[in-house]
Structure formats: structure tokens, C-alpha cells
Protein backbone atom coordinates (compact mmCIF):
# COMPACT_ATOMS: atom_id res chain seq x y z
CA MET A 1 61.93 88.01 123.16
CA TRP A 2 59.97 86.42 120.69
CA ARG A 3 58.96 82.82 122.20
CA GLN A 4 56.86 79.41 120.85
CA ASN A 5 56.93 75.81 123.18
CA ASN A 6 59.62 78.13 125.74
CA GLU A 7 61.91 77.84 122.25
CA ILE A 8 63.60 81.41 121.06
CA ILE A 9 63.11 82.71 117.90
CA GLY A 10 63.56 86.02 117.66
CA ASP A 11 63.24 89.10 119.67
CA ALA A 12 62.78 93.55 118.99
CA ILE A 13 64.52 96.32 120.62
CA TRP A 14 62.95 99.59 120.59
CA HIS A 15 63.52 102.81 122.83
CA GLU A 16 61.53 106.10 123.28
CA THR A 17 63.63 108.50 120.92
CA SER A 18 62.23 111.93 118.76
CA THR A 19 63.03 114.17 115.95
CA ASP A 20 66.26 116.11 117.25
CA GLU A 21 67.42 113.09 118.64
CA HIS A 22 68.03 110.20 117.80
CA ARG A 23 69.21 108.97 121.29
CA GLU A 24 70.04 111.03 124.44
CA GLY A 25 72.92 113.97 122.63
CA ASP A 26 72.50 112.11 119.67
CA PRO A 27 72.20 114.74 117.14
CA ARG A 28 70.71 112.91 114.23
CA ASP A 29 71.41 114.75 111.22
CA ARG A 30 70.05 117.03 109.05
CA GLU A 31 68.44 114.62 106.68
CA ASP A 32 66.97 112.51 109.00
CA ARG A 33 65.72 115.30 111.27
CA GLU A 34 64.10 117.10 107.85
CA ILE A 35 62.63 113.50 106.71
CA LEU A 36 60.53 112.32 110.67
CA ARG A 37 59.26 116.21 110.98
CA LYS A 38 57.49 115.53 107.56
CA LEU A 39 56.75 111.93 108.20
CA CYS A 40 55.93 113.61 111.94
CA GLY A 41 53.84 116.38 110.51
CA GLY A 42 56.42 119.00 112.41
CA LYS A 43 55.36 117.15 115.83
CA LYS A 44 59.29 117.10 118.09
CA ASP A 45 57.31 115.24 121.24
CA ASN A 46 58.99 112.50 121.88
CA ILE A 47 58.18 108.75 120.03
CA VAL A 48 58.99 104.97 120.18
CA GLU A 49 61.86 104.18 117.80
CA LEU A 50 61.67 100.67 116.91
CA HIS A 51 65.14 100.17 116.63
CA GLU A 52 65.64 96.05 115.25
CA ILE A 53 63.74 92.83 114.89
CA TRP A 54 65.48 89.43 114.50
CA LEU A 55 64.01 85.83 113.79
CA ILE A 56 64.86 82.51 113.04
CA LYS A 57 65.08 81.89 109.31
CA LYS A 58 62.93 79.51 109.91
CA TYR A 59 60.48 80.52 111.26
CA ARG A 60 60.33 83.20 108.18
CA GLY A 61 57.80 83.69 105.69
CA LYS A 62 55.10 82.25 108.21
CA GLY A 63 53.84 85.74 109.10
CA TYR A 64 54.92 86.35 112.24
CA GLY A 65 56.80 89.36 111.28
CA LYS A 66 53.31 90.21 110.05
CA ARG A 67 51.95 89.55 113.19
CA PHE A 68 55.30 91.55 115.48
CA PHE A 69 53.78 94.59 113.87
CA GLU A 70 49.59 93.93 115.12
CA PHE A 71 51.50 93.03 118.27
CA PHE A 72 54.04 96.44 118.76
CA GLU A 73 50.95 98.66 117.53
CA GLU A 74 48.84 97.95 120.82
CA PHE A 75 51.96 97.09 123.08
CA ILE A 76 53.52 101.14 122.95
CA GLY A 77 49.73 102.15 122.35
CA ARG A 78 48.76 100.35 126.01
CA LYS A 79 52.03 102.12 127.10
CA GLY A 80 50.89 106.05 126.02
CA TYR A 81 52.52 106.56 122.80
CA ASP A 82 50.97 106.94 119.75
CA SER A 83 53.87 106.36 117.19
CA PHE A 84 56.44 105.22 116.16
CA VAL A 85 59.04 104.61 113.15
CA TYR A 86 61.24 102.02 112.11
CA TYR A 87 64.45 102.63 109.26
CA ALA A 88 64.48 99.02 107.00
CA ASP A 89 66.29 97.81 104.27
CA HIS A 90 64.78 94.35 104.14
CA PRO A 91 62.07 93.71 101.45
CA ALA A 92 60.08 91.36 104.19
CA ALA A 93 60.13 94.42 106.21
CA LEU A 94 59.10 97.49 103.98
CA ALA A 95 56.12 95.27 101.97
CA ILE A 96 55.34 94.43 106.09
CA CYS A 97 55.09 98.80 106.82
CA ARG A 98 53.58 99.64 103.12
CA LYS A 99 50.73 96.73 103.79
CA ARG A 100 49.50 98.50 107.45
CA GLY A 101 49.51 101.70 106.53
CA TYR A 102 52.59 103.75 107.45
CA LYS A 103 53.90 106.65 106.20
CA GLU A 104 57.43 106.44 104.14
CA ASP A 105 60.23 108.58 103.05
CA TYR A 106 64.21 107.54 102.21
CA LEU A 107 67.45 108.15 103.78
CA LYS A 108 69.65 108.75 101.09
CA SER A 109 72.29 108.93 103.66
CA GLU A 110 71.98 105.53 105.03
CA GLY A 111 70.18 103.72 101.98
CA GLU A 112 67.56 103.20 104.21
CA TYR A 113 63.42 103.49 104.22
CA VAL A 114 62.03 105.84 107.30
CA PHE A 115 58.28 104.27 108.20
CA TYR A 116 56.44 106.06 110.58
CA ILE A 117 52.53 104.86 111.58
CA GLN A 118 50.25 107.49 114.19
CA LEU A 119 48.43 104.54 115.73
CA LYS A 120 44.82 106.56 117.15
CA ASN A 121 44.52 107.39 113.47
CA HIS A 122 45.83 103.76 112.68
CA THR A 123 43.00 100.18 111.77
CA SER A 124 44.47 97.79 111.90
CA GLN A 125 44.14 94.83 108.35
């Protein structure tokens, strides 16, 4: 949950995953698996998937998304993870990920972009 002055202004959902399984027992389709392996450099270990970001409309366009990604990168790094993926199709999310230097590919079957960041080699902008 994101809060400002005790008001909920948005939320985010994330989970541990791998390049082979979306969730335990739910295999990824071939295209998704191939894109993730390419973006992750062949890594099969557990990664974090940022599943959803939501922000109340009146707070959009004010830098909260950028600040969230900065926070999330630091947060999962403190949790011991070194990378994460994020699937997006919203123009604002695409712009943030590109500006922050995430690797990207396009998942045709879902019509959305897949972004990947390796935190150990990433420097915040």
C-alpha cells in the first residue's frame, strides 16, 4: 500500500517467480520463457516479478511512479533479490522503465512489454 497523509493512494503486488514458472506449478508459455531467459542472461534462479502497480488518478503524472520504482529496487535488494521483471503496456510505465535503463523485449502473445533489471549492476538515475 502507498500512503500519503494516512490516505491510501495506490498499491503494488509482487511475488517470487522463475523463468520457467509463473507461479508454483503454473508453467510459463514458450514465448514468455524464452524472453525471460534472454533478458536474464540464461538465469533460471528465482527472480521477483512486479505484478501490478496502481495509483489513484489524481496522483498520476506527479513523479510517484518514478519514486516507486526507486523504492522498489532498493526494497527488493534489501530482501536479498538481485533482479526483477515487470510486464507493462501503459505509456507512463514504459517511459519510467526505459528511463531507468531496464532491458526490454515484447511479449507478442500478451501484447505487452517485458522489462528486466539486474540490480547489482544498476545505478539509479
